[in-house]
């Protein structure tokens, strides 16, 4: 019986994780090894990009966006290629066992859907041994010899990255950037000059930017004075609300959020 459970398509909401089953807790790890030469510590706390699956001797390349991340406490989150999922991992002597997963249920094109069905079944197949290498590669292998090939994803650097704004936040509620502003609103931080520069979608913007721990203090913004469509100007005004104050930033690999003390903010993704 397939243990995979599904949720309705609430893709933007965080997924609750299932509690670990059996007599071992998700974080238990016996000897601390999950493979002959691989430790639990070398597998957890890393966002692993899924490269490919080999099942029954047939290899499938993973679609863009498929990943797996296992926290130190055994909580799992990931993406099958289309739908996101949450689960738990039980660390046993020389192996990892993924418990039943909950996922969103969005319809995507045929190729990712076929891949994610195989990926979901494979993770549900039993205990995996793990083999990690020094160059950031990881192979998960079932008792039947099926494999999941993964590569460590590095965090996108705060400085020097062109961040494309894709969402706006007001009163803790996040909304997508208006269509007219997509690809036009962006910012980048320059460590050497201590500045932020970019565009609100219509006008060029620059300001002093001082980074301290997980916070950025932004000075009074300087902007050009062009007039654009109402939707562009509205998005730009929302962007400008984070300036002349301190925002908290959080980077999640290819995405960043900037949130002010009054819960105004923006979300952005790295321009590839």
Protein backbone atom coordinates (compact mmCIF):
# COMPACT_ATOMS: atom_id res chain seq x y z
CA UNK A 1 0.00 0.00 0.00
CA UNK A 2 1.33 3.38 -0.99
CA UNK A 3 1.78 5.38 2.24
CA UNK A 4 1.85 8.74 0.47
CA UNK A 5 -0.86 11.12 1.65
CA UNK A 6 -1.97 14.23 -0.20
CA UNK A 7 -3.26 17.65 0.71
CA UNK A 8 -5.39 19.93 -1.41
CA UNK A 9 -3.43 22.40 -3.48
CA UNK A 10 -2.44 24.98 -0.88
CA UNK A 11 1.01 25.34 -2.29
CA UNK A 12 1.89 28.55 -0.49
CA UNK A 13 1.07 27.25 2.98
CA UNK A 14 3.65 25.37 5.10
CA UNK A 15 3.09 21.64 5.25
CA UNK A 16 2.66 19.96 8.64
CA UNK A 17 5.12 17.17 9.17
CA UNK A 18 4.15 13.73 10.33
CA UNK A 19 5.41 12.45 13.66
CA UNK A 20 7.95 9.66 13.55
CA UNK A 21 6.53 6.17 13.84
CA UNK A 22 7.82 3.05 15.60
CA UNK A 23 9.92 2.69 18.67
CA UNK A 24 12.74 4.95 17.44
CA UNK A 25 12.37 8.69 17.34
CA UNK A 26 13.16 10.44 14.05
CA UNK A 27 16.42 11.77 15.45
CA UNK A 28 17.77 8.44 16.74
CA UNK A 29 20.82 7.26 14.87
CA UNK A 30 22.34 4.22 16.55
CA UNK A 31 26.03 4.41 15.67
CA UNK A 32 25.59 7.77 13.96
CA UNK A 33 26.27 6.25 10.53
CA UNK A 34 23.79 6.13 7.62
CA UNK A 35 26.21 4.35 5.29
CA UNK A 36 29.52 2.51 5.51
CA UNK A 37 31.51 5.76 5.37
CA UNK A 38 28.78 8.40 5.73
CA UNK A 39 27.56 9.95 9.00
CA UNK A 40 24.19 11.42 9.83
CA UNK A 41 25.83 14.85 10.30
CA UNK A 42 27.08 14.92 6.70
CA UNK A 43 23.56 14.37 5.34
CA UNK A 44 21.40 16.61 7.56
CA UNK A 45 21.10 20.38 7.45
CA UNK A 46 21.83 20.47 3.72
CA UNK A 47 19.46 21.26 0.88
CA UNK A 48 20.12 18.52 -1.68
CA UNK A 49 19.22 19.11 -5.32
CA UNK A 50 17.85 15.92 -6.85
CA UNK A 51 19.81 15.11 -10.03
CA UNK A 52 18.35 11.77 -11.10
CA UNK A 53 16.59 8.56 -10.09
CA UNK A 54 17.54 5.06 -11.18
CA UNK A 55 14.72 2.57 -10.60
CA UNK A 56 14.70 -0.94 -12.03
CA UNK A 57 17.77 -0.09 -14.09
CA UNK A 58 16.09 2.92 -15.76
CA UNK A 59 17.49 6.40 -15.05
CA UNK A 60 15.32 9.53 -15.11
CA UNK A 61 16.74 13.05 -14.92
CA UNK A 62 15.10 15.25 -12.27
CA UNK A 63 13.17 18.38 -13.29
CA UNK A 64 14.38 21.78 -12.10
CA UNK A 65 13.31 22.45 -8.52
CA UNK A 66 13.32 18.89 -7.16
CA UNK A 67 15.11 18.80 -3.81
CA UNK A 68 15.35 17.02 -0.45
CA UNK A 69 16.31 18.50 2.92
CA UNK A 70 16.60 16.61 6.21
CA UNK A 71 16.87 18.60 9.44
CA UNK A 72 18.96 17.44 12.39
CA UNK A 73 15.78 16.42 14.24
CA UNK A 74 14.62 14.26 11.31
CA UNK A 75 12.06 16.65 9.83
CA UNK A 76 12.02 16.44 6.04
CA UNK A 77 10.87 18.89 3.42
CA UNK A 78 11.31 18.75 -0.32
CA UNK A 79 9.86 19.01 -3.77
CA UNK A 80 9.12 16.05 -6.03
CA UNK A 81 9.52 18.19 -9.16
CA UNK A 82 6.09 19.79 -9.11
CA UNK A 83 4.57 19.33 -5.65
CA UNK A 84 6.16 20.11 -2.31
CA UNK A 85 6.12 17.50 0.46
CA UNK A 86 6.84 17.06 4.16
CA UNK A 87 7.83 13.91 6.05
CA UNK A 88 10.16 12.60 8.76
CA UNK A 89 13.30 10.50 8.55
CA UNK A 90 14.21 7.80 11.07
CA UNK A 91 17.98 7.32 11.39
CA UNK A 92 18.81 3.68 12.02
CA UNK A 93 22.07 1.76 12.12
CA UNK A 94 23.56 2.17 8.63
CA UNK A 95 20.42 3.60 7.07
CA UNK A 96 17.65 6.20 6.69
CA UNK A 97 13.95 5.33 6.61
CA UNK A 98 11.55 8.00 5.27
CA UNK A 99 8.10 7.90 6.82
CA UNK A 100 4.82 8.54 4.95
CA UNK A 101 4.82 11.95 3.23
CA UNK A 102 2.20 14.64 2.87
CA UNK A 103 2.27 16.62 -0.33
CA UNK A 104 0.42 19.28 -2.23
CA UNK A 105 -1.65 18.10 -5.19
CA UNK A 106 -1.03 20.48 -8.05
CA UNK A 107 -1.27 19.44 -11.71
CA UNK A 108 1.86 20.08 -13.75
CA UNK A 109 2.98 18.99 -17.20
CA UNK A 110 3.46 15.28 -17.87
CA UNK A 111 7.22 14.98 -17.48
CA UNK A 112 7.53 16.34 -13.91
CA UNK A 113 4.39 14.45 -12.83
CA UNK A 114 5.79 11.11 -14.04
CA UNK A 115 9.09 11.83 -12.32
CA UNK A 116 7.53 12.85 -9.03
CA UNK A 117 5.33 9.75 -8.89
CA UNK A 118 8.49 7.64 -9.23
CA UNK A 119 10.34 9.80 -6.69
CA UNK A 120 7.51 9.53 -4.15
CA UNK A 121 7.31 5.74 -4.51
CA UNK A 122 11.09 5.41 -4.24
CA UNK A 123 11.30 7.41 -0.99
CA UNK A 124 8.54 5.16 0.37
CA UNK A 125 10.35 1.98 -0.61
CA UNK A 126 12.22 1.22 2.61
CA UNK A 127 15.58 1.90 4.23
CA UNK A 128 18.29 3.73 2.26
CA UNK A 129 22.02 3.61 2.75
CA UNK A 130 23.74 6.93 2.10
CA UNK A 131 27.01 7.61 0.37
CA UNK A 132 28.34 11.18 0.52
CA UNK A 133 31.49 12.47 -1.17
CA UNK A 134 33.78 15.39 -0.42
CA UNK A 135 32.67 17.22 -3.58
CA UNK A 136 29.08 17.67 -2.38
CA UNK A 137 27.47 14.60 -3.93
CA UNK A 138 25.09 12.20 -2.18
CA UNK A 139 23.69 8.84 -3.30
CA UNK A 140 20.76 7.17 -1.53
CA UNK A 141 20.48 3.46 -2.31
CA UNK A 142 17.65 1.04 -1.54
CA UNK A 143 18.08 -2.63 -0.69
CA UNK A 144 17.02 -3.43 -4.28
CA UNK A 145 19.76 -1.23 -5.72
CA UNK A 146 17.58 1.71 -6.82
CA UNK A 147 19.30 5.06 -6.31
CA UNK A 148 18.62 8.76 -5.85
CA UNK A 149 21.53 10.99 -6.96
CA UNK A 150 21.76 14.41 -5.28
CA UNK A 151 24.06 17.45 -5.19
CA UNK A 152 24.48 19.93 -2.33
CA UNK A 153 22.96 23.35 -3.08
CA UNK A 154 24.91 26.30 -1.75
CA UNK A 155 23.22 29.38 -0.28
CA UNK A 156 22.98 32.30 -2.67
CA UNK A 157 25.25 35.12 -1.44
CA UNK A 158 23.58 38.22 -0.03
CA UNK A 159 26.02 40.57 -1.73
CA UNK A 160 26.40 40.86 -5.48
CA UNK A 161 23.29 38.85 -6.34
CA UNK A 162 20.61 40.46 -8.46
CA UNK A 163 17.42 39.75 -6.51
CA UNK A 164 14.21 39.87 -8.57
CA UNK A 165 11.26 40.97 -6.44
CA UNK A 166 8.34 38.54 -6.79
CA UNK A 167 6.10 39.28 -3.78
CA UNK A 168 5.04 42.10 -1.48
CA UNK A 169 4.09 41.87 2.20
CA UNK A 170 1.72 44.03 4.25
CA UNK A 171 0.41 43.23 7.75
CA UNK A 172 1.94 39.72 7.60
CA UNK A 173 0.09 38.92 4.35
CA UNK A 174 2.16 38.20 1.25
CA UNK A 175 0.82 38.78 -2.26
CA UNK A 176 2.36 38.20 -5.67
CA UNK A 177 3.94 41.12 -7.46
CA UNK A 178 1.59 42.62 -10.08
CA UNK A 179 2.17 41.21 -13.55
CA UNK A 180 3.32 44.59 -14.90
CA UNK A 181 6.17 44.76 -12.38
CA UNK A 182 7.50 41.20 -12.72
CA UNK A 183 11.08 41.14 -13.92
CA UNK A 184 11.32 44.91 -13.54
CA UNK A 185 11.57 45.29 -9.74
CA UNK A 186 14.95 44.18 -8.41
CA UNK A 187 17.79 45.09 -6.07
CA UNK A 188 21.40 44.21 -5.36
CA UNK A 189 23.65 44.90 -2.38
CA UNK A 190 27.21 46.16 -2.78
CA UNK A 191 29.42 45.29 0.20
CA UNK A 192 32.29 47.58 -0.81
CA UNK A 193 30.18 50.75 -1.10
CA UNK A 194 27.60 49.77 1.55
CA UNK A 195 24.69 50.50 -0.75
CA UNK A 196 21.56 48.97 -2.18
CA UNK A 197 20.60 49.82 -5.72
CA UNK A 198 17.88 48.58 -8.00
CA UNK A 199 14.48 49.41 -9.43
CA UNK A 200 11.01 49.55 -8.02
CA UNK A 201 9.60 48.53 -11.38
CA UNK A 202 9.46 52.07 -12.72
CA UNK A 203 12.16 54.21 -11.10
CA UNK A 204 15.77 53.52 -10.23
CA UNK A 205 16.38 53.31 -6.47
CA UNK A 206 19.53 53.61 -4.35
CA UNK A 207 20.17 53.88 -0.61
CA UNK A 208 22.77 53.30 2.06
CA UNK A 209 22.65 49.72 3.38
CA UNK A 210 24.34 48.52 6.58
CA UNK A 211 24.26 44.77 7.25
CA UNK A 212 24.52 43.44 10.81
CA UNK A 213 23.88 39.76 11.58
CA UNK A 214 20.47 39.04 10.00
CA UNK A 215 19.39 42.68 9.66
CA UNK A 216 19.86 45.43 7.07
CA UNK A 217 19.49 49.10 7.96
CA UNK A 218 18.36 50.99 4.86
CA UNK A 219 18.74 54.74 4.50
CA UNK A 220 16.48 57.27 2.82
CA UNK A 221 15.94 56.09 -0.77
CA UNK A 222 16.99 58.21 -3.71
CA UNK A 223 14.87 57.64 -6.81
CA UNK A 224 14.38 58.89 -10.32
CA UNK A 225 11.11 60.72 -11.02
CA UNK A 226 9.43 58.85 -13.86
CA UNK A 227 5.68 58.21 -13.95
CA UNK A 228 4.43 54.76 -14.99
CA UNK A 229 1.17 52.81 -14.95
CA UNK A 230 -0.87 52.72 -11.74
CA UNK A 231 -0.01 49.06 -11.06
CA UNK A 232 3.71 49.74 -11.41
CA UNK A 233 3.55 52.80 -9.20
CA UNK A 234 1.55 50.94 -6.53
CA UNK A 235 4.11 48.12 -6.47
CA UNK A 236 6.95 50.61 -6.28
CA UNK A 237 5.39 52.45 -3.34
CA UNK A 238 5.09 49.11 -1.49
CA UNK A 239 8.75 48.40 -2.22
CA UNK A 240 9.79 51.82 -0.88
CA UNK A 241 8.07 51.18 2.47
CA UNK A 242 10.99 49.02 3.63
CA UNK A 243 13.47 51.91 3.33
CA UNK A 244 14.50 54.44 5.98
CA UNK A 245 14.54 51.77 8.68
CA UNK A 246 15.76 48.30 9.59
CA UNK A 247 14.58 45.08 7.98
CA UNK A 248 15.26 41.48 8.92
CA UNK A 249 16.47 39.33 6.05
CA UNK A 250 16.31 35.59 5.54
CA UNK A 251 17.91 33.68 2.68
CA UNK A 252 16.54 30.26 1.73
CA UNK A 253 18.95 29.15 -0.98
CA UNK A 254 17.62 30.99 -4.07
CA UNK A 255 15.08 33.19 -2.28
CA UNK A 256 15.28 36.12 0.14
CA UNK A 257 12.71 37.93 2.28
CA UNK A 258 13.12 41.41 3.78
CA UNK A 259 10.66 42.19 6.59
CA UNK A 260 10.33 45.47 8.50
CA UNK A 261 9.26 45.90 12.12
CA UNK A 262 5.72 46.81 11.02
CA UNK A 263 5.57 43.64 8.88
CA UNK A 264 5.89 45.34 5.53
CA UNK A 265 8.30 43.55 3.27
CA UNK A 266 9.27 41.98 -0.01
CA UNK A 267 10.22 38.56 -1.29
CA UNK A 268 12.70 38.03 -4.11
CA UNK A 269 14.51 35.28 -5.98
CA UNK A 270 18.03 35.21 -7.37
CA UNK A 271 18.30 36.08 -11.04
CA UNK A 272 19.84 33.06 -12.75
